Amino acid sequence: MNARTTSILATLGLLAMTAVWGSTFVLIKDVVGRMPVADFLAVRFMIAAVAMLVLFARPVWRLGRRQVLHGLLLGAIYGIGQLLQTWGLSLIAPSVSGFATGMYVVFTPILALLLLGQRMAGVVWLAVGLSTAGLALLSLNGVSVDLGVWLTLASAALYALHIVLLGQWSRQGEAFGLSAVQMVAIAAVCLLAIVPHAPVLPPDRSAWFAVLYMALIAGAGAMLMQTWAQSHLPATRAAIVMTTEPVFAAAFAVLLGSDVLSWRMLLGGGLILAAMYLVELMPRRAALSAEAAHHEV
């Protein structure tokens, strides 16, 4: 499989992952209204960690010590981000949470520049601006900045750090093992947040369904897909692709009848898709043009 095909598959994988994430905002809002935030996360990620260790024990064993440490650090960063985001979501509307979480698209290139010295092309900064405008149109309508928003912005900064470091440390062929180690660390962080008591379990069948869906599909499956995809994509490009999450969230809301299609949804979603076009398709067109010019010479 050539690099271009792999890049397309990685992008499609990230899109599938963000579609799953987009389906979880309302589910999470409902569950954390009926059980404590930290307990919900502890149960969710314990289930995900056990499932991944059962499935991927051999790939974990094959990881070197440095990659295990990398996985634990990545998982700790992501786990703290999950706690902050979910606490924030319990205080604010899902749409506002979607915008504040999506601000990792702004933080990612800034952190890549500060931590790794990676300079971004002008087209990337344009895409970041388009994504941010699209997120605002999709999510914001007379919002006030309160504690829930600040908690969610802090989680977005941690997600951006996770994206940047995962882009540096993810290696082809190690996605299974590195994902499982990250999930163990996330579960450990969430368990520490509920010390000294045992986790409160979901109160009913619908809550259990939501927790299992978020543990196995939106948790373990999404982490595996992100880890694999980021071994093939630059961090900022991955972050911009992942801002399609609120587009999917809005689409699910309309399809399920909990929201009505509006001009803000259409324009906001269009801006985010335009940003993804810039970072995904424009570089390929430039490469094809260069290749054609080389053959003509």
C-alpha atoms as a PDB file:
ATOM      1  CA  MET A   1       0.000   0.000   0.000  1.00  0.00           C
ATOM      2  CA  ASN A   2       1.514   3.347  -1.032  1.00  0.00           C
ATOM      3  CA  ALA A   3       1.782   6.397   1.234  1.00  0.00           C
ATOM      4  CA  ARG A   4      -1.036   8.302  -0.471  1.00  0.00           C
ATOM      5  CA  THR A   5      -3.513   5.423  -0.071  1.00  0.00           C
ATOM      6  CA  THR A   6      -2.499   4.973   3.566  1.00  0.00           C
ATOM      7  CA  SER A   7      -2.987   8.702   4.201  1.00  0.00           C
ATOM      8  CA  ILE A   8      -6.492   8.553   2.696  1.00  0.00           C
ATOM      9  CA  LEU A   9      -7.369   5.528   4.855  1.00  0.00           C
ATOM     10  CA  ALA A  10      -6.003   7.285   7.960  1.00  0.00           C
ATOM     11  CA  THR A  11      -8.161  10.328   7.203  1.00  0.00           C
ATOM     12  CA  LEU A  12     -11.248   8.161   6.664  1.00  0.00           C
ATOM     13  CA  GLY A  13     -10.477   6.352   9.927  1.00  0.00           C
ATOM     14  CA  LEU A  14     -10.316   9.657  11.815  1.00  0.00           C
ATOM     15  CA  LEU A  15     -13.606  10.733  10.213  1.00  0.00           C
ATOM     16  CA  ALA A  16     -15.269   7.492  11.340  1.00  0.00           C
ATOM     17  CA  MET A  17     -13.865   8.026  14.840  1.00  0.00           C
ATOM     18  CA  THR A  18     -15.155  11.609  15.058  1.00  0.00           C
ATOM     19  CA  ALA A  19     -18.576  10.437  13.837  1.00  0.00           C
ATOM     20  CA  VAL A  20     -18.677   8.075  16.805  1.00  0.00           C
ATOM     21  CA  TRP A  21     -17.527  10.845  19.159  1.00  0.00           C
ATOM     22  CA  GLY A  22     -20.180  13.160  17.728  1.00  0.00           C
ATOM     23  CA  SER A  23     -22.836  10.642  18.736  1.00  0.00           C
ATOM     24  CA  THR A  24     -21.767  10.635  22.403  1.00  0.00           C
ATOM     25  CA  PHE A  25     -22.384  14.211  23.638  1.00  0.00           C
ATOM     26  CA  VAL A  26     -26.086  13.757  24.379  1.00  0.00           C
ATOM     27  CA  LEU A  27     -25.497  10.249  25.785  1.00  0.00           C
ATOM     28  CA  ILE A  28     -22.828  11.527  28.183  1.00  0.00           C
ATOM     29  CA  LYS A  29     -24.980  14.491  29.250  1.00  0.00           C
ATOM     30  CA  ASP A  30     -27.800  12.061  30.122  1.00  0.00           C
ATOM     31  CA  VAL A  31     -25.610   9.571  32.035  1.00  0.00           C
ATOM     32  CA  VAL A  32     -23.711  12.158  34.118  1.00  0.00           C
ATOM     33  CA  GLY A  33     -27.065  13.563  35.135  1.00  0.00           C
ATOM     34  CA  ARG A  34     -27.720  10.234  36.881  1.00  0.00           C
ATOM     35  CA  MET A  35     -24.289   9.174  38.182  1.00  0.00           C
ATOM     36  CA  PRO A  36     -21.150  11.042  39.331  1.00  0.00           C
ATOM     37  CA  VAL A  37     -18.805  12.201  36.550  1.00  0.00           C
ATOM     38  CA  ALA A  38     -15.644  10.529  37.857  1.00  0.00           C
ATOM     39  CA  ASP A  39     -17.485   7.248  38.544  1.00  0.00           C
ATOM     40  CA  PHE A  40     -18.922   7.213  35.021  1.00  0.00           C
ATOM     41  CA  LEU A  41     -15.436   7.703  33.552  1.00  0.00           C
ATOM     42  CA  ALA A  42     -13.859   5.130  35.870  1.00  0.00           C
ATOM     43  CA  VAL A  43     -16.382   2.434  34.869  1.00  0.00           C
ATOM     44  CA  ARG A  44     -16.166   3.382  31.173  1.00  0.00           C
ATOM     45  CA  PHE A  45     -12.389   3.250  30.939  1.00  0.00           C
ATOM     46  CA  MET A  46     -11.959   0.210  33.217  1.00  0.00           C
ATOM     47  CA  ILE A  47     -14.154  -1.757  30.793  1.00  0.00           C
ATOM     48  CA  ALA A  48     -12.202  -0.390  27.824  1.00  0.00           C
ATOM     49  CA  ALA A  49      -8.828  -1.156  29.441  1.00  0.00           C
ATOM     50  CA  VAL A  50      -9.771  -4.751  30.306  1.00  0.00           C
ATOM     51  CA  ALA A  51     -11.102  -5.352  26.785  1.00  0.00           C
ATOM     52  CA  MET A  52      -7.932  -3.980  25.175  1.00  0.00           C
ATOM     53  CA  LEU A  53      -5.590  -5.942  27.454  1.00  0.00           C
ATOM     54  CA  VAL A  54      -7.473  -9.158  26.682  1.00  0.00           C
ATOM     55  CA  LEU A  55      -7.344  -8.516  22.934  1.00  0.00           C
ATOM     56  CA  PHE A  56      -3.868  -7.006  22.671  1.00  0.00           C
ATOM     57  CA  ALA A  57      -1.782  -8.579  25.455  1.00  0.00           C
ATOM     58  CA  ARG A  58       0.862  -9.787  22.975  1.00  0.00           C
ATOM     59  CA  PRO A  59       1.348  -6.385  21.226  1.00  0.00           C
ATOM     60  CA  VAL A  60       1.693  -4.747  24.663  1.00  0.00           C
ATOM     61  CA  TRP A  61       4.338  -7.308  25.643  1.00  0.00           C
ATOM     62  CA  ARG A  62       6.279  -6.538  22.457  1.00  0.00           C
ATOM     63  CA  LEU A  63       6.498  -2.798  23.203  1.00  0.00           C
ATOM     64  CA  GLY A  64       9.848  -1.489  24.369  1.00  0.00           C
ATOM     65  CA  ARG A  65      10.181   0.189  27.773  1.00  0.00           C
ATOM     66  CA  ARG A  66      10.299   3.666  26.234  1.00  0.00           C
ATOM     67  CA  GLN A  67       7.070   3.133  24.278  1.00  0.00           C
ATOM     68  CA  VAL A  68       5.339   1.789  27.408  1.00  0.00           C
ATOM     69  CA  LEU A  69       6.345   4.966  29.261  1.00  0.00           C
ATOM     70  CA  HIS A  70       5.180   7.054  26.312  1.00  0.00           C
ATOM     71  CA  GLY A  71       1.828   5.238  26.372  1.00  0.00           C
ATOM     72  CA  LEU A  72       1.405   5.797  30.120  1.00  0.00           C
ATOM     73  CA  LEU A  73       2.162   9.525  29.797  1.00  0.00           C
ATOM     74  CA  LEU A  74      -0.187   9.885  26.810  1.00  0.00           C
ATOM     75  CA  GLY A  75      -2.929   8.061  28.693  1.00  0.00           C
ATOM     76  CA  ALA A  76      -2.483  10.226  31.800  1.00  0.00           C
ATOM     77  CA  ILE A  77      -2.765  13.408  29.715  1.00  0.00           C
ATOM     78  CA  TYR A  78      -5.856  12.102  27.922  1.00  0.00           C
ATOM     79  CA  GLY A  79      -7.439  10.838  31.155  1.00  0.00           C
ATOM     80  CA  ILE A  80      -7.113  14.215  32.890  1.00  0.00           C
ATOM     81  CA  GLY A  81      -8.548  15.813  29.743  1.00  0.00           C
ATOM     82  CA  GLN A  82     -11.542  13.445  29.918  1.00  0.00           C
ATOM     83  CA  LEU A  83     -12.192  14.320  33.563  1.00  0.00           C
ATOM     84  CA  LEU A  84     -12.069  18.066  32.865  1.00  0.00           C
ATOM     85  CA  GLN A  85     -14.210  17.796  29.720  1.00  0.00           C
ATOM     86  CA  THR A  86     -16.895  15.666  31.375  1.00  0.00           C
ATOM     87  CA  TRP A  87     -17.022  17.853  34.500  1.00  0.00           C
ATOM     88  CA  GLY A  88     -17.373  20.833  32.179  1.00  0.00           C
ATOM     89  CA  LEU A  89     -20.121  19.122  30.160  1.00  0.00           C
ATOM     90  CA  SER A  90     -22.117  18.537  33.357  1.00  0.00           C
ATOM     91  CA  LEU A  91     -22.229  22.351  33.784  1.00  0.00           C
ATOM     92  CA  ILE A  92     -22.843  23.575  30.207  1.00  0.00           C
ATOM     93  CA  ALA A  93     -24.861  22.703  27.097  1.00  0.00           C
ATOM     94  CA  PRO A  94     -23.537  19.936  24.815  1.00  0.00           C
ATOM     95  CA  SER A  95     -23.249  22.401  21.902  1.00  0.00           C
ATOM     96  CA  VAL A  96     -21.047  24.780  23.913  1.00  0.00           C
ATOM     97  CA  SER A  97     -18.971  21.838  25.113  1.00  0.00           C
ATOM     98  CA  GLY A  98     -18.527  20.788  21.480  1.00  0.00           C
ATOM     99  CA  PHE A  99     -17.128  24.210  20.580  1.00  0.00           C
ATOM    100  CA  ALA A 100     -14.803  24.508  23.576  1.00  0.00           C
ATOM    101  CA  THR A 101     -13.518  20.943  23.078  1.00  0.00           C
ATOM    102  CA  GLY A 102     -12.933  21.629  19.386  1.00  0.00           C
ATOM    103  CA  MET A 103     -10.551  24.457  20.270  1.00  0.00           C
ATOM    104  CA  TYR A 104      -7.786  21.831  20.285  1.00  0.00           C
ATOM    105  CA  VAL A 105      -7.574  22.672  16.577  1.00  0.00           C
ATOM    106  CA  VAL A 106      -6.117  26.056  17.607  1.00  0.00           C
ATOM    107  CA  PHE A 107      -3.954  24.729  20.441  1.00  0.00           C
ATOM    108  CA  THR A 108      -2.400  21.910  18.383  1.00  0.00           C
ATOM    109  CA  PRO A 109      -0.319  24.004  15.920  1.00  0.00           C
ATOM    110  CA  ILE A 110       0.662  26.393  18.727  1.00  0.00           C
ATOM    111  CA  LEU A 111       1.956  23.516  20.879  1.00  0.00           C
ATOM    112  CA  ALA A 112       3.652  21.898  17.869  1.00  0.00           C
ATOM    113  CA  LEU A 113       5.483  25.193  17.304  1.00  0.00           C
ATOM    114  CA  LEU A 114       6.382  25.753  20.974  1.00  0.00           C
ATOM    115  CA  LEU A 115       7.352  22.179  21.877  1.00  0.00           C
ATOM    116  CA  LEU A 116       8.739  20.814  18.618  1.00  0.00           C
ATOM    117  CA  GLY A 117       9.642  23.912  16.624  1.00  0.00           C
ATOM    118  CA  GLN A 118       7.301  22.809  13.820  1.00  0.00           C
ATOM    119  CA  ARG A 119       6.424  25.772  11.608  1.00  0.00           C
ATOM    120  CA  MET A 120       3.072  25.602   9.868  1.00  0.00           C
ATOM    121  CA  ALA A 121       2.367  26.633   6.285  1.00  0.00           C
ATOM    122  CA  GLY A 122       0.012  29.563   5.783  1.00  0.00           C
ATOM    123  CA  VAL A 123      -2.674  27.235   4.411  1.00  0.00           C
ATOM    124  CA  VAL A 124      -2.689  25.343   7.739  1.00  0.00           C
ATOM    125  CA  TRP A 125      -3.303  28.531   9.741  1.00  0.00           C
ATOM    126  CA  LEU A 126      -6.080  29.453   7.289  1.00  0.00           C
ATOM    127  CA  ALA A 127      -7.616  26.022   7.869  1.00  0.00           C
ATOM    128  CA  VAL A 128      -7.365  26.533  11.648  1.00  0.00           C
ATOM    129  CA  GLY A 129      -9.198  29.851  11.303  1.00  0.00           C
ATOM    130  CA  LEU A 130     -11.930  28.334   9.123  1.00  0.00           C
ATOM    131  CA  SER A 131     -12.372  25.430  11.574  1.00  0.00           C
ATOM    132  CA  THR A 132     -12.679  27.783  14.536  1.00  0.00           C
ATOM    133  CA  ALA A 133     -15.253  29.961  12.732  1.00  0.00           C
ATOM    134  CA  GLY A 134     -17.185  26.844  11.750  1.00  0.00           C
ATOM    135  CA  LEU A 135     -17.134  25.520  15.307  1.00  0.00           C
ATOM    136  CA  ALA A 136     -18.423  28.858  16.614  1.00  0.00           C
ATOM    137  CA  LEU A 137     -21.290  28.954  14.107  1.00  0.00           C
ATOM    138  CA  LEU A 138     -22.255  25.355  14.868  1.00  0.00           C
ATOM    139  CA  SER A 139     -22.086  25.647  18.633  1.00  0.00           C
ATOM    140  CA  LEU A 140     -22.365  29.177  20.004  1.00  0.00           C
ATOM    141  CA  ASN A 141     -25.411  31.392  20.365  1.00  0.00           C
ATOM    142  CA  GLY A 142     -25.092  34.003  23.096  1.00  0.00           C
ATOM    143  CA  VAL A 143     -22.831  31.902  25.322  1.00  0.00           C
ATOM    144  CA  SER A 144     -21.294  33.164  28.552  1.00  0.00           C
ATOM    145  CA  VAL A 145     -17.858  31.999  29.648  1.00  0.00           C
ATOM    146  CA  ASP A 146     -18.252  30.271  33.014  1.00  0.00           C
ATOM    147  CA  LEU A 147     -16.504  27.504  34.971  1.00  0.00           C
ATOM    148  CA  GLY A 148     -17.796  24.767  32.658  1.00  0.00           C
ATOM    149  CA  VAL A 149     -16.318  26.524  29.628  1.00  0.00           C
ATOM    150  CA  TRP A 150     -12.944  27.072  31.337  1.00  0.00           C
ATOM    151  CA  LEU A 151     -12.782  23.393  32.373  1.00  0.00           C
ATOM    152  CA  THR A 152     -13.557  22.344  28.806  1.00  0.00           C
ATOM    153  CA  LEU A 153     -10.969  24.705  27.314  1.00  0.00           C
ATOM    154  CA  ALA A 154      -8.375  23.216  29.684  1.00  0.00           C
ATOM    155  CA  SER A 155      -9.361  19.748  28.442  1.00  0.00           C
ATOM    156  CA  ALA A 156      -8.955  20.956  24.842  1.00  0.00           C
ATOM    157  CA  ALA A 157      -5.401  22.099  25.618  1.00  0.00           C
ATOM    158  CA  LEU A 158      -4.628  18.636  27.037  1.00  0.00           C
ATOM    159  CA  TYR A 159      -6.164  16.935  23.976  1.00  0.00           C
ATOM    160  CA  ALA A 160      -3.954  19.115  21.767  1.00  0.00           C
ATOM    161  CA  LEU A 161      -0.891  18.061  23.784  1.00  0.00           C
ATOM    162  CA  HIS A 162      -1.992  14.430  23.394  1.00  0.00           C
ATOM    163  CA  ILE A 163      -2.364  14.878  19.611  1.00  0.00           C
ATOM    164  CA  VAL A 164       1.087  16.492  19.278  1.00  0.00           C
ATOM    165  CA  LEU A 165       2.897  13.883  21.397  1.00  0.00           C
ATOM    166  CA  LEU A 166       1.008  10.963  19.849  1.00  0.00           C
ATOM    167  CA  GLY A 167       2.068  12.231  16.428  1.00  0.00           C
ATOM    168  CA  GLN A 168       5.678  12.128  17.630  1.00  0.00           C
ATOM    169  CA  TRP A 169       5.584   8.767  19.387  1.00  0.00           C
ATOM    170  CA  SER A 170       3.120   6.616  17.412  1.00  0.00           C
ATOM    171  CA  ARG A 171       4.953   4.059  15.259  1.00  0.00           C
ATOM    172  CA  GLN A 172       3.605   1.922  12.446  1.00  0.00           C
ATOM    173  CA  GLY A 173       2.922  -1.590  13.718  1.00  0.00           C
ATOM    174  CA  GLU A 174       2.608  -0.519  17.391  1.00  0.00           C
ATOM    175  CA  ALA A 175      -0.921   0.905  17.405  1.00  0.00           C
ATOM    176  CA  PHE A 176      -2.488  -2.073  19.238  1.00  0.00           C
ATOM    177  CA  GLY A 177       0.034  -2.132  22.067  1.00  0.00           C
ATOM    178  CA  LEU A 178       0.324   1.647  22.473  1.00  0.00           C
ATOM    179  CA  SER A 179      -3.476   2.064  22.488  1.00  0.00           C
ATOM    180  CA  ALA A 180      -3.885  -0.578  25.209  1.00  0.00           C
ATOM    181  CA  VAL A 181      -1.224   1.022  27.427  1.00  0.00           C
ATOM    182  CA  GLN A 182      -2.873   4.432  27.010  1.00  0.00           C
ATOM    183  CA  MET A 183      -6.240   2.969  27.981  1.00  0.00           C
ATOM    184  CA  VAL A 184      -4.792   1.442  31.165  1.00  0.00           C
ATOM    185  CA  ALA A 185      -3.363   4.835  32.151  1.00  0.00           C
ATOM    186  CA  ILE A 186      -6.678   6.590  31.426  1.00  0.00           C
ATOM    187  CA  ALA A 187      -8.512   4.072  33.630  1.00  0.00           C
ATOM    188  CA  ALA A 188      -5.935   4.559  36.419  1.00  0.00           C
ATOM    189  CA  VAL A 189      -6.354   8.360  36.335  1.00  0.00           C
ATOM    190  CA  CYS A 190     -10.140   8.040  36.523  1.00  0.00           C
ATOM    191  CA  LEU A 191      -9.931   5.521  39.384  1.00  0.00           C
ATOM    192  CA  LEU A 192      -7.629   7.884  41.323  1.00  0.00           C
ATOM    193  CA  ALA A 193     -10.292  10.580  40.933  1.00  0.00           C
ATOM    194  CA  ILE A 194     -12.820   8.514  42.941  1.00  0.00           C
ATOM    195  CA  VAL A 195     -10.461   7.361  45.738  1.00  0.00           C
ATOM    196  CA  PRO A 196     -11.219   6.163  48.393  1.00  0.00           C
ATOM    197  CA  HIS A 197     -14.613   4.711  47.400  1.00  0.00           C
ATOM    198  CA  ALA A 198     -15.418   2.075  44.768  1.00  0.00           C
ATOM    199  CA  PRO A 199     -17.038   3.317  41.557  1.00  0.00           C
ATOM    200  CA  VAL A 200     -20.785   3.850  41.511  1.00  0.00           C
ATOM    201  CA  LEU A 201     -22.250   1.615  38.779  1.00  0.00           C
ATOM    202  CA  PRO A 202     -24.685   2.762  36.073  1.00  0.00           C
ATOM    203  CA  PRO A 203     -28.183   2.922  37.576  1.00  0.00           C
ATOM    204  CA  ASP A 204     -30.227   1.191  34.853  1.00  0.00           C
ATOM    205  CA  ARG A 205     -30.132  -0.685  31.546  1.00  0.00           C
ATOM    206  CA  SER A 206     -30.052   2.409  29.322  1.00  0.00           C
ATOM    207  CA  ALA A 207     -27.139   3.853  31.329  1.00  0.00           C
ATOM    208  CA  TRP A 208     -25.265   0.534  31.027  1.00  0.00           C
ATOM    209  CA  PHE A 209     -25.841   0.538  27.263  1.00  0.00           C
ATOM    210  CA  ALA A 210     -24.459   4.075  27.004  1.00  0.00           C
ATOM    211  CA  VAL A 211     -21.416   3.231  29.155  1.00  0.00           C
ATOM    212  CA  LEU A 212     -20.642   0.065  27.168  1.00  0.00           C
ATOM    213  CA  TYR A 213     -20.993   1.907  23.850  1.00  0.00           C
ATOM    214  CA  MET A 214     -18.674   4.674  25.057  1.00  0.00           C
ATOM    215  CA  ALA A 215     -16.211   2.182  26.559  1.00  0.00           C
ATOM    216  CA  LEU A 216     -15.862  -0.214  23.627  1.00  0.00           C
ATOM    217  CA  ILE A 217     -16.703   1.859  20.533  1.00  0.00           C
ATOM    218  CA  ALA A 218     -16.042   5.495  21.479  1.00  0.00           C
ATOM    219  CA  GLY A 219     -13.277   4.532  23.919  1.00  0.00           C
ATOM    220  CA  ALA A 220     -11.188   1.499  22.975  1.00  0.00           C
ATOM    221  CA  GLY A 221     -12.057   1.540  19.266  1.00  0.00           C
ATOM    222  CA  ALA A 222     -11.534   5.291  18.874  1.00  0.00           C
ATOM    223  CA  MET A 223      -8.194   5.266  20.725  1.00  0.00           C
ATOM    224  CA  LEU A 224      -6.961   2.427  18.524  1.00  0.00           C
ATOM    225  CA  MET A 225      -8.018   4.264  15.355  1.00  0.00           C
ATOM    226  CA  GLN A 226      -6.469   7.575  16.462  1.00  0.00           C
ATOM    227  CA  THR A 227      -3.168   5.929  17.422  1.00  0.00           C
ATOM    228  CA  TRP A 228      -2.937   4.126  14.086  1.00  0.00           C
ATOM    229  CA  ALA A 229      -4.013   7.144  12.015  1.00  0.00           C
ATOM    230  CA  GLN A 230      -1.546   9.479  13.702  1.00  0.00           C
ATOM    231  CA  SER A 231       1.337   7.218  12.762  1.00  0.00           C
ATOM    232  CA  HIS A 232       0.499   8.264   9.175  1.00  0.00           C
ATOM    233  CA  LEU A 233      -0.666  11.909   9.505  1.00  0.00           C
ATOM    234  CA  PRO A 234       0.891  15.145  10.832  1.00  0.00           C
ATOM    235  CA  ALA A 235      -0.585  16.244  14.186  1.00  0.00           C
ATOM    236  CA  THR A 236      -2.152  19.511  12.995  1.00  0.00           C
ATOM    237  CA  ARG A 237      -3.727  17.820   9.985  1.00  0.00           C
ATOM    238  CA  ALA A 238      -5.211  15.160  12.267  1.00  0.00           C
ATOM    239  CA  ALA A 239      -6.590  17.852  14.587  1.00  0.00           C
ATOM    240  CA  ILE A 240      -8.300  19.674  11.705  1.00  0.00           C
ATOM    241  CA  VAL A 241      -9.872  16.443  10.415  1.00  0.00           C
ATOM    242  CA  MET A 242     -11.093  15.718  13.955  1.00  0.00           C
ATOM    243  CA  THR A 243     -12.958  19.060  14.137  1.00  0.00           C
ATOM    244  CA  THR A 244     -15.663  17.397  12.038  1.00  0.00           C
ATOM    245  CA  GLU A 245     -16.908  15.991  15.381  1.00  0.00           C
ATOM    246  CA  PRO A 246     -19.491  18.782  15.975  1.00  0.00           C
ATOM    247  CA  VAL A 247     -20.626  18.453  12.349  1.00  0.00           C
ATOM    248  CA  PHE A 248     -21.499  14.815  13.070  1.00  0.00           C
ATOM    249  CA  ALA A 249     -22.989  15.801  16.441  1.00  0.00           C
ATOM    250  CA  ALA A 250     -25.287  18.307  14.718  1.00  0.00           C
ATOM    251  CA  ALA A 251     -26.196  15.753  12.028  1.00  0.00           C
ATOM    252  CA  PHE A 252     -27.124  13.153  14.657  1.00  0.00           C
ATOM    253  CA  ALA A 253     -29.202  15.753  16.508  1.00  0.00           C
ATOM    254  CA  VAL A 254     -31.147  16.576  13.334  1.00  0.00           C
ATOM    255  CA  LEU A 255     -31.593  12.921  12.309  1.00  0.00           C
ATOM    256  CA  LEU A 256     -32.825  11.942  15.780  1.00  0.00           C
ATOM    257  CA  GLY A 257     -35.267  14.854  15.849  1.00  0.00           C
ATOM    258  CA  SER A 258     -33.677  16.659  18.799  1.00  0.00           C
ATOM    259  CA  ASP A 259     -32.667  19.654  16.667  1.00  0.00           C
ATOM    260  CA  VAL A 260     -33.761  21.426  13.492  1.00  0.00           C
ATOM    261  CA  LEU A 261     -31.509  22.034  10.505  1.00  0.00           C
ATOM    262  CA  SER A 262     -30.469  25.717  10.388  1.00  0.00           C
ATOM    263  CA  TRP A 263     -28.327  28.070   8.319  1.00  0.00           C
ATOM    264  CA  ARG A 264     -25.772  28.110  11.168  1.00  0.00           C
ATOM    265  CA  MET A 265     -25.373  24.317  10.917  1.00  0.00           C
ATOM    266  CA  LEU A 266     -24.994  24.438   7.145  1.00  0.00           C
ATOM    267  CA  LEU A 267     -22.518  27.343   7.116  1.00  0.00           C
ATOM    268  CA  GLY A 268     -20.548  26.133  10.146  1.00  0.00           C
ATOM    269  CA  GLY A 269     -20.306  22.602   8.791  1.00  0.00           C
ATOM    270  CA  GLY A 270     -19.311  23.974   5.387  1.00  0.00           C
ATOM    271  CA  LEU A 271     -16.445  25.996   6.889  1.00  0.00           C
ATOM    272  CA  ILE A 272     -15.117  22.960   8.769  1.00  0.00           C
ATOM    273  CA  LEU A 273     -15.299  20.808   5.644  1.00  0.00           C
ATOM    274  CA  ALA A 274     -13.532  23.583   3.687  1.00  0.00           C
ATOM    275  CA  ALA A 275     -10.746  23.554   6.279  1.00  0.00           C
ATOM    276  CA  MET A 276     -10.399  19.797   5.917  1.00  0.00           C
ATOM    277  CA  TYR A 277     -10.261  20.201   2.145  1.00  0.00           C
ATOM    278  CA  LEU A 278      -7.404  22.676   2.481  1.00  0.00           C
ATOM    279  CA  VAL A 279      -5.209  20.421   4.604  1.00  0.00           C
ATOM    280  CA  GLU A 280      -6.147  17.142   2.956  1.00  0.00           C
ATOM    281  CA  LEU A 281      -6.599  17.751  -0.753  1.00  0.00           C
ATOM    282  CA  MET A 282      -4.503  20.826  -1.553  1.00  0.00           C
ATOM    283  CA  PRO A 283      -1.144  19.201  -0.642  1.00  0.00           C
ATOM    284  CA  ARG A 284      -2.016  16.230  -2.847  1.00  0.00           C
ATOM    285  CA  ARG A 285      -2.885  18.502  -5.775  1.00  0.00           C
ATOM    286  CA  ALA A 286       0.428  20.322  -5.330  1.00  0.00           C
ATOM    287  CA  ALA A 287       2.294  17.005  -5.297  1.00  0.00           C
ATOM    288  CA  LEU A 288       0.493  15.826  -8.432  1.00  0.00           C
ATOM    289  CA  SER A 289       1.286  19.132 -10.192  1.00  0.00           C
ATOM    290  CA  ALA A 290       4.946  18.823  -9.221  1.00  0.00           C
ATOM    291  CA  GLU A 291       5.022  15.230 -10.457  1.00  0.00           C
ATOM    292  CA  ALA A 292       3.447  16.241 -13.793  1.00  0.00           C
ATOM    293  CA  ALA A 293       5.943  19.083 -14.207  1.00  0.00           C
ATOM    294  CA  HIS A 294       8.813  16.676 -13.488  1.00  0.00           C
ATOM    295  CA  HIS A 295       7.602  14.269 -16.203  1.00  0.00           C
ATOM    296  CA  GLU A 296       7.275  17.099 -18.700  1.00  0.00           C
ATOM    297  CA  VAL A 297      10.914  18.022 -18.127  1.00  0.00           C
END
